PDB file of N, CA and C in Angstrom:
ATOM      1  N   UNK A   1      68.317  30.348-194.393  1.00  0.00           N
ATOM      2  CA  UNK A   1      68.613  31.487-193.397  1.00  0.00           C
ATOM      3  C   UNK A   1      69.817  32.163-193.900  1.00  0.00           C
ATOM      4  N   UNK A   2      69.907  33.324-193.748  1.00  0.00           N
ATOM      5  CA  UNK A   2      71.074  34.298-194.218  1.00  0.00           C
ATOM      6  C   UNK A   2      72.211  33.989-193.346  1.00  0.00           C
ATOM      7  N   UNK A   3      73.330  34.252-193.946  1.00  0.00           N
ATOM      8  CA  UNK A   3      74.658  33.965-193.237  1.00  0.00           C
ATOM      9  C   UNK A   3      74.886  35.318-192.438  1.00  0.00           C
ATOM     10  N   UNK A   4      74.404  36.469-192.660  1.00  0.00           N
ATOM     11  CA  UNK A   4      74.481  37.573-192.197  1.00  0.00           C
ATOM     12  C   UNK A   4      73.647  37.692-190.856  1.00  0.00           C
ATOM     13  N   UNK A   5      73.972  38.553-189.905  1.00  0.00           N
ATOM     14  CA  UNK A   5      73.299  38.804-188.483  1.00  0.00           C
ATOM     15  C   UNK A   5      72.575  40.046-188.703  1.00  0.00           C
ATOM     16  N   UNK A   6      71.218  39.919-188.684  1.00  0.00           N
ATOM     17  CA  UNK A   6      70.430  41.261-188.869  1.00  0.00           C
ATOM     18  C   UNK A   6      69.913  41.695-187.479  1.00  0.00           C
ATOM     19  N   UNK A   7      70.242  42.793-187.218  1.00  0.00           N
ATOM     20  CA  UNK A   7      69.861  43.412-185.966  1.00  0.00           C
ATOM     21  C   UNK A   7      69.038  44.648-186.185  1.00  0.00           C
ATOM     22  N   UNK A   8      68.679  45.350-185.289  1.00  0.00           N
ATOM     23  CA  UNK A   8      67.807  46.365-185.393  1.00  0.00           C
ATOM     24  C   UNK A   8      68.505  47.586-186.312  1.00  0.00           C
ATOM     25  N   UNK A   9      69.782  47.794-186.025  1.00  0.00           N
ATOM     26  CA  UNK A   9      70.560  48.840-186.592  1.00  0.00           C
ATOM     27  C   UNK A   9      71.708  48.529-187.617  1.00  0.00           C
ATOM     28  N   UNK A  10      71.885  47.111-187.702  1.00  0.00           N
ATOM     29  CA  UNK A  10      73.045  46.828-188.481  1.00  0.00           C
ATOM     30  C   UNK A  10      72.959  45.425-189.108  1.00  0.00           C
ATOM     31  N   UNK A  11      73.688  45.161-190.035  1.00  0.00           N
ATOM     32  CA  UNK A  11      73.742  43.929-190.376  1.00  0.00           C
ATOM     33  C   UNK A  11      75.336  43.635-190.581  1.00  0.00           C
ATOM     34  N   UNK A  12      75.682  42.306-190.152  1.00  0.00           N
ATOM     35  CA  UNK A  12      77.057  41.993-189.882  1.00  0.00           C
ATOM     36  C   UNK A  12      77.357  40.622-190.033  1.00  0.00           C
ATOM     37  N   UNK A  13      78.496  40.189-190.300  1.00  0.00           N
ATOM     38  CA  UNK A  13      78.868  38.852-190.338  1.00  0.00           C
ATOM     39  C   UNK A  13      80.142  38.650-189.629  1.00  0.00           C
ATOM     40  N   UNK A  14      80.109  37.793-188.745  1.00  0.00           N
ATOM     41  CA  UNK A  14      81.241  37.550-187.756  1.00  0.00           C
ATOM     42  C   UNK A  14      81.929  36.274-188.012  1.00  0.00           C
ATOM     43  N   UNK A  15      83.192  36.121-188.322  1.00  0.00           N
ATOM     44  CA  UNK A  15      83.686  35.108-188.644  1.00  0.00           C
ATOM     45  C   UNK A  15      85.033  34.849-187.576  1.00  0.00           C
ATOM     46  N   UNK A  16      85.162  33.604-186.986  1.00  0.00           N
ATOM     47  CA  UNK A  16      86.197  33.271-186.069  1.00  0.00           C
ATOM     48  C   UNK A  16      86.880  32.060-186.741  1.00  0.00           C
ATOM     49  N   UNK A  17      88.154  31.976-186.262  1.00  0.00           N
ATOM     50  CA  UNK A  17      88.873  30.733-186.637  1.00  0.00           C
ATOM     51  C   UNK A  17      89.465  30.184-185.395  1.00  0.00           C
ATOM     52  N   UNK A  18      89.155  28.936-185.017  1.00  0.00           N
ATOM     53  CA  UNK A  18      89.568  28.482-183.860  1.00  0.00           C
ATOM     54  C   UNK A  18      90.785  27.419-184.193  1.00  0.00           C
ATOM     55  N   UNK A  19      91.805  27.492-183.312  1.00  0.00           N
ATOM     56  CA  UNK A  19      93.013  26.728-183.567  1.00  0.00           C
ATOM     57  C   UNK A  19      93.359  25.993-182.000  1.00  0.00           C
ATOM     58  N   UNK A  20      93.361  24.708-182.172  1.00  0.00           N
ATOM     59  CA  UNK A  20      93.800  23.991-181.017  1.00  0.00           C
ATOM     60  C   UNK A  20      95.278  23.374-180.995  1.00  0.00           C
ATOM     61  N   UNK A  21      96.183  24.335-180.730  1.00  0.00           N
ATOM     62  CA  UNK A  21      97.636  23.881-180.929  1.00  0.00           C
ATOM     63  C   UNK A  21      98.008  22.847-179.635  1.00  0.00           C
ATOM     64  N   UNK A  22      98.860  22.080-180.048  1.00  0.00           N
ATOM     65  CA  UNK A  22      99.306  21.077-178.977  1.00  0.00           C
ATOM     66  C   UNK A  22     100.830  21.224-178.698  1.00  0.00           C
ATOM     67  N   UNK A  23     101.079  20.912-177.576  1.00  0.00           N
ATOM     68  CA  UNK A  23     102.486  21.195-177.176  1.00  0.00           C
ATOM     69  C   UNK A  23     103.346  19.962-177.765  1.00  0.00           C
ATOM     70  N   UNK A  24     104.450  20.421-178.401  1.00  0.00           N
ATOM     71  CA  UNK A  24     105.419  19.369-178.855  1.00  0.00           C
ATOM     72  C   UNK A  24     104.781  18.563-180.007  1.00  0.00           C
ATOM     73  N   UNK A  25     103.648  19.028-180.581  1.00  0.00           N
ATOM     74  CA  UNK A  25     103.099  18.472-181.869  1.00  0.00           C
ATOM     75  C   UNK A  25     102.605  17.133-181.295  1.00  0.00           C
ATOM     76  N   UNK A  26     102.239  16.593-180.259  1.00  0.00           N
ATOM     77  CA  UNK A  26     101.807  15.396-179.822  1.00  0.00           C
ATOM     78  C   UNK A  26     100.376  15.263-180.098  1.00  0.00           C
ATOM     79  N   UNK A  27      99.900  14.017-180.423  1.00  0.00           N
ATOM     80  CA  UNK A  27      98.681  13.694-180.796  1.00  0.00           C
ATOM     81  C   UNK A  27      97.694  13.631-179.455  1.00  0.00           C
ATOM     82  N   UNK A  28      97.088  14.849-179.234  1.00  0.00           N
ATOM     83  CA  UNK A  28      96.226  14.902-178.139  1.00  0.00           C
ATOM     84  C   UNK A  28      94.883  15.053-178.463  1.00  0.00           C
ATOM     85  N   UNK A  29      94.382  15.661-179.587  1.00  0.00           N
ATOM     86  CA  UNK A  29      93.079  15.429-180.037  1.00  0.00           C
ATOM     87  C   UNK A  29      92.733  14.211-180.836  1.00  0.00           C
ATOM     88  N   UNK A  30      92.412  13.220-179.944  1.00  0.00           N
ATOM     89  CA  UNK A  30      92.018  11.971-180.683  1.00  0.00           C
ATOM     90  C   UNK A  30      90.557  11.934-180.887  1.00  0.00           C
ATOM     91  N   UNK A  31      89.881  10.786-181.146  1.00  0.00           N
ATOM     92  CA  UNK A  31      88.383  10.701-181.505  1.00  0.00           C
ATOM     93  C   UNK A  31      87.646  11.127-180.332  1.00  0.00           C
ATOM     94  N   UNK A  32      88.003  10.707-179.223  1.00  0.00           N
ATOM     95  CA  UNK A  32      87.289  11.176-177.991  1.00  0.00           C
ATOM     96  C   UNK A  32      87.216  12.832-177.834  1.00  0.00           C
ATOM     97  N   UNK A  33      88.365  13.280-177.763  1.00  0.00           N
ATOM     98  CA  UNK A  33      88.335  14.815-177.613  1.00  0.00           C
ATOM     99  C   UNK A  33      87.706  15.405-178.607  1.00  0.00           C
ATOM    100  N   UNK A  34      87.836  14.978-179.997  1.00  0.00           N
ATOM    101  CA  UNK A  34      87.204  15.456-181.030  1.00  0.00           C
ATOM    102  C   UNK A  34      85.810  15.584-180.892  1.00  0.00           C
ATOM    103  N   UNK A  35      85.091  14.440-180.175  1.00  0.00           N
ATOM    104  CA  UNK A  35      83.708  14.407-180.104  1.00  0.00           C
ATOM    105  C   UNK A  35      83.248  15.303-179.129  1.00  0.00           C
ATOM    106  N   UNK A  36      84.078  15.518-178.010  1.00  0.00           N
ATOM    107  CA  UNK A  36      83.690  16.529-176.969  1.00  0.00           C
ATOM    108  C   UNK A  36      83.667  18.001-177.434  1.00  0.00           C
ATOM    109  N   UNK A  37      84.689  18.269-178.423  1.00  0.00           N
ATOM    110  CA  UNK A  37      84.697  19.640-178.830  1.00  0.00           C
ATOM    111  C   UNK A  37      83.562  19.761-179.740  1.00  0.00           C
ATOM    112  N   UNK A  38      83.080  18.728-180.634  1.00  0.00           N
ATOM    113  CA  UNK A  38      81.962  18.951-181.514  1.00  0.00           C
ATOM    114  C   UNK A  38      80.620  18.981-180.701  1.00  0.00           C
ATOM    115  N   UNK A  39      80.535  18.216-179.656  1.00  0.00           N
ATOM    116  CA  UNK A  39      79.468  18.361-178.786  1.00  0.00           C
ATOM    117  C   UNK A  39      79.374  19.703-178.139  1.00  0.00           C
ATOM    118  N   UNK A  40      80.494  20.188-177.703  1.00  0.00           N
ATOM    119  CA  UNK A  40      80.372  21.527-176.929  1.00  0.00           C
ATOM    120  C   UNK A  40      80.018  22.500-177.995  1.00  0.00           C
ATOM    121  N   UNK A  41      80.526  22.611-179.353  1.00  0.00           N
ATOM    122  CA  UNK A  41      80.100  23.416-180.328  1.00  0.00           C
ATOM    123  C   UNK A  41      78.518  23.409-180.597  1.00  0.00           C
ATOM    124  N   UNK A  42      78.050  22.187-180.591  1.00  0.00           N
ATOM    125  CA  UNK A  42      76.628  21.993-180.910  1.00  0.00           C
ATOM    126  C   UNK A  42      75.797  22.740-179.702  1.00  0.00           C
ATOM    127  N   UNK A  43      76.090  22.430-178.591  1.00  0.00           N
ATOM    128  CA  UNK A  43      75.587  22.948-177.301  1.00  0.00           C
ATOM    129  C   UNK A  43      75.449  24.588-177.326  1.00  0.00           C
ATOM    130  N   UNK A  44      76.703  25.053-177.848  1.00  0.00           N
ATOM    131  CA  UNK A  44      76.885  26.558-177.861  1.00  0.00           C
ATOM    132  C   UNK A  44      75.982  27.210-179.030  1.00  0.00           C
ATOM    133  N   UNK A  45      75.867  26.377-180.145  1.00  0.00           N
ATOM    134  CA  UNK A  45      75.029  26.937-181.123  1.00  0.00           C
ATOM    135  C   UNK A  45      73.435  26.822-180.967  1.00  0.00           C
ATOM    136  N   UNK A  46      73.108  25.927-179.889  1.00  0.00           N
ATOM    137  CA  UNK A  46      71.779  25.848-179.601  1.00  0.00           C
ATOM    138  C   UNK A  46      71.398  26.888-178.600  1.00  0.00           C
ATOM    139  N   UNK A  47      72.379  27.311-177.794  1.00  0.00           N
ATOM    140  CA  UNK A  47      72.168  28.328-176.613  1.00  0.00           C
ATOM    141  C   UNK A  47      72.261  29.799-177.311  1.00  0.00           C
ATOM    142  N   UNK A  48      73.057  29.982-178.289  1.00  0.00           N
ATOM    143  CA  UNK A  48      73.303  31.173-178.798  1.00  0.00           C
ATOM    144  C   UNK A  48      73.115  31.144-180.288  1.00  0.00           C
ATOM    145  N   UNK A  49      72.969  32.321-180.922  1.00  0.00           N
ATOM    146  CA  UNK A  49      72.720  32.462-182.393  1.00  0.00           C
ATOM    147  C   UNK A  49      74.091  32.364-183.163  1.00  0.00           C
ATOM    148  N   UNK A  50      74.696  31.250-182.940  1.00  0.00           N
ATOM    149  CA  UNK A  50      76.008  31.043-183.733  1.00  0.00           C
ATOM    150  C   UNK A  50      76.003  29.520-184.544  1.00  0.00           C
ATOM    151  N   UNK A  51      76.704  29.763-185.488  1.00  0.00           N
ATOM    152  CA  UNK A  51      76.766  28.599-186.379  1.00  0.00           C
ATOM    153  C   UNK A  51      78.074  28.168-186.584  1.00  0.00           C
ATOM    154  N   UNK A  52      78.412  26.932-186.546  1.00  0.00           N
ATOM    155  CA  UNK A  52      79.796  26.377-186.751  1.00  0.00           C
ATOM    156  C   UNK A  52      79.951  25.581-187.999  1.00  0.00           C
ATOM    157  N   UNK A  53      81.015  25.926-188.829  1.00  0.00           N
ATOM    158  CA  UNK A  53      81.331  25.003-190.120  1.00  0.00           C
ATOM    159  C   UNK A  53      82.510  24.281-189.729  1.00  0.00           C
ATOM    160  N   UNK A  54      82.813  23.130-190.292  1.00  0.00           N
ATOM    161  CA  UNK A  54      83.909  22.429-190.249  1.00  0.00           C
ATOM    162  C   UNK A  54      84.551  22.311-191.639  1.00  0.00           C
TER     163      UNK A  54
END
């Protein structure tokens, strides 16, 4: 599959960079939170034509 998005009148490539900052540099993103973020990304990719890379 191509990395580009092919539509009827254009070809594009959208790239986003997600950042999860935490207050006071505390460890908030533990294994459980990381798993929830991954599962959410997987469900989003199933619903929409979006791909996530890590």
